Protein backbone atom coordinates (compact mmCIF):
# COMPACT_ATOMS: atom_id res chain seq x y z
CA MET A 1 -79.74 -196.67 -108.31
CA THR A 2 -83.86 -195.67 -107.51
CA VAL A 3 -84.63 -192.04 -107.92
CA ILE A 4 -88.19 -191.13 -106.25
CA ILE A 5 -89.78 -188.33 -107.76
CA ASP A 6 -92.31 -186.34 -107.64
CA ASN A 7 -94.83 -185.21 -109.96
CA ALA A 8 -93.60 -181.81 -110.07
CA SER A 9 -94.20 -180.10 -113.79
CA VAL A 10 -90.93 -180.20 -114.21
CA HIS A 11 -89.79 -183.39 -113.95
CA LYS A 12 -92.85 -184.33 -116.65
CA ALA A 13 -91.57 -181.81 -119.04
CA LYS A 14 -90.70 -182.57 -122.34
CA ALA A 15 -87.12 -180.82 -122.37
CA THR A 16 -86.31 -182.99 -119.86
CA LYS A 17 -86.62 -186.05 -121.30
CA PRO A 18 -83.68 -186.91 -123.58
CA MET A 19 -82.09 -186.46 -119.59
CA MET A 20 -84.57 -188.89 -117.88
CA ASP A 21 -84.27 -191.24 -120.86
CA LEU A 22 -80.23 -190.92 -120.86
CA LEU A 23 -80.98 -192.20 -116.87
CA LYS A 24 -82.88 -195.04 -117.65
CA LYS A 25 -80.17 -196.47 -120.21
CA GLN A 26 -77.17 -195.73 -117.47
CA GLY A 27 -79.53 -198.15 -115.41
CA VAL A 28 -81.25 -195.56 -113.12
CA THR A 29 -84.41 -196.31 -112.56
CA LEU A 30 -86.84 -193.52 -112.13
CA TYR A 31 -90.11 -194.01 -109.87
CA PHE A 32 -92.36 -191.82 -110.04
CA LEU A 33 -94.96 -190.72 -106.72
CA PRO A 34 -98.72 -191.18 -107.49
CA PRO A 35 -100.05 -187.77 -108.51
CA TYR A 36 -100.93 -186.19 -105.06
CA SER A 37 -99.36 -187.99 -102.16
CA PRO A 38 -97.82 -185.24 -99.64
CA GLU A 39 -97.74 -188.28 -97.10
CA LEU A 40 -94.75 -189.73 -99.40
CA ASN A 41 -92.72 -186.93 -100.22
CA ARG A 42 -90.30 -185.82 -97.50
CA ILE A 43 -89.99 -182.75 -98.24
CA GLU A 44 -93.56 -182.33 -98.04
CA LYS A 45 -93.55 -182.95 -94.54
CA LEU A 46 -90.50 -180.68 -93.66
CA TRP A 47 -92.16 -177.64 -95.81
CA HIS A 48 -94.96 -178.71 -93.30
CA LEU A 49 -93.14 -178.79 -90.43
CA MET A 50 -91.74 -175.13 -91.15
CA LYS A 51 -94.42 -173.69 -91.78
CA TYR A 52 -96.40 -174.78 -88.93
CA THR A 53 -94.26 -175.18 -86.63
CA TRP A 54 -90.72 -173.85 -86.84
CA MET A 55 -92.14 -170.52 -88.08
CA SER A 56 -94.50 -168.37 -86.20
CA VAL A 57 -97.71 -166.90 -87.59
CA LYS A 58 -96.48 -163.71 -88.24
CA SER A 59 -97.08 -161.35 -91.63
CA ARG A 60 -93.86 -161.37 -93.17
CA ASP A 61 -92.40 -159.72 -96.04
CA SER A 62 -90.40 -161.10 -98.39
CA LYS A 63 -86.56 -160.12 -97.16
CA THR A 64 -88.35 -161.39 -93.64
CA LEU A 65 -89.11 -164.70 -94.98
CA GLU A 66 -86.26 -165.00 -96.59
CA ALA A 67 -84.08 -164.54 -92.87
CA ASP A 68 -86.28 -166.55 -91.40
CA VAL A 69 -86.01 -169.80 -93.34
CA GLY A 70 -82.34 -168.75 -94.20
CA ASP A 71 -82.43 -169.35 -90.27
CA ILE A 72 -83.85 -173.11 -90.05
CA LEU A 73 -81.44 -173.89 -92.91
CA ASP A 74 -78.63 -172.68 -91.28
CA ASN A 75 -79.63 -174.73 -88.55
CA PHE A 76 -81.44 -177.87 -89.47
CA GLY A 77 -80.22 -180.84 -87.84
CA SER A 78 -78.91 -178.34 -84.78
CA LYS A 79 -81.44 -176.54 -83.95
CA TYR A 80 -84.36 -177.88 -85.78
CA LYS A 81 -84.59 -181.19 -86.32
CA PHE A 82 -86.44 -183.74 -88.49
CA GLY A 83 -86.97 -187.70 -88.49
CA PHE A 84 -87.73 -189.68 -91.40
């Protein structure tokens, strides 16, 4: 099994090193993306689509933002579609 990981600081933190080592010992291959590679990270493409296509540009308070993102996540695959 191969797990592709971005370079978020939590993935490189000392606290996660023991778990990463354990995964390697169990035969899991950890593949880190290059330092800045949003074009290779599917979640970056999804967030871009959410922010610039599915959500209209408007002023939002945190409650409205949470509701708008919740609507997208609740309807992902039916109302909101994304192809990899």
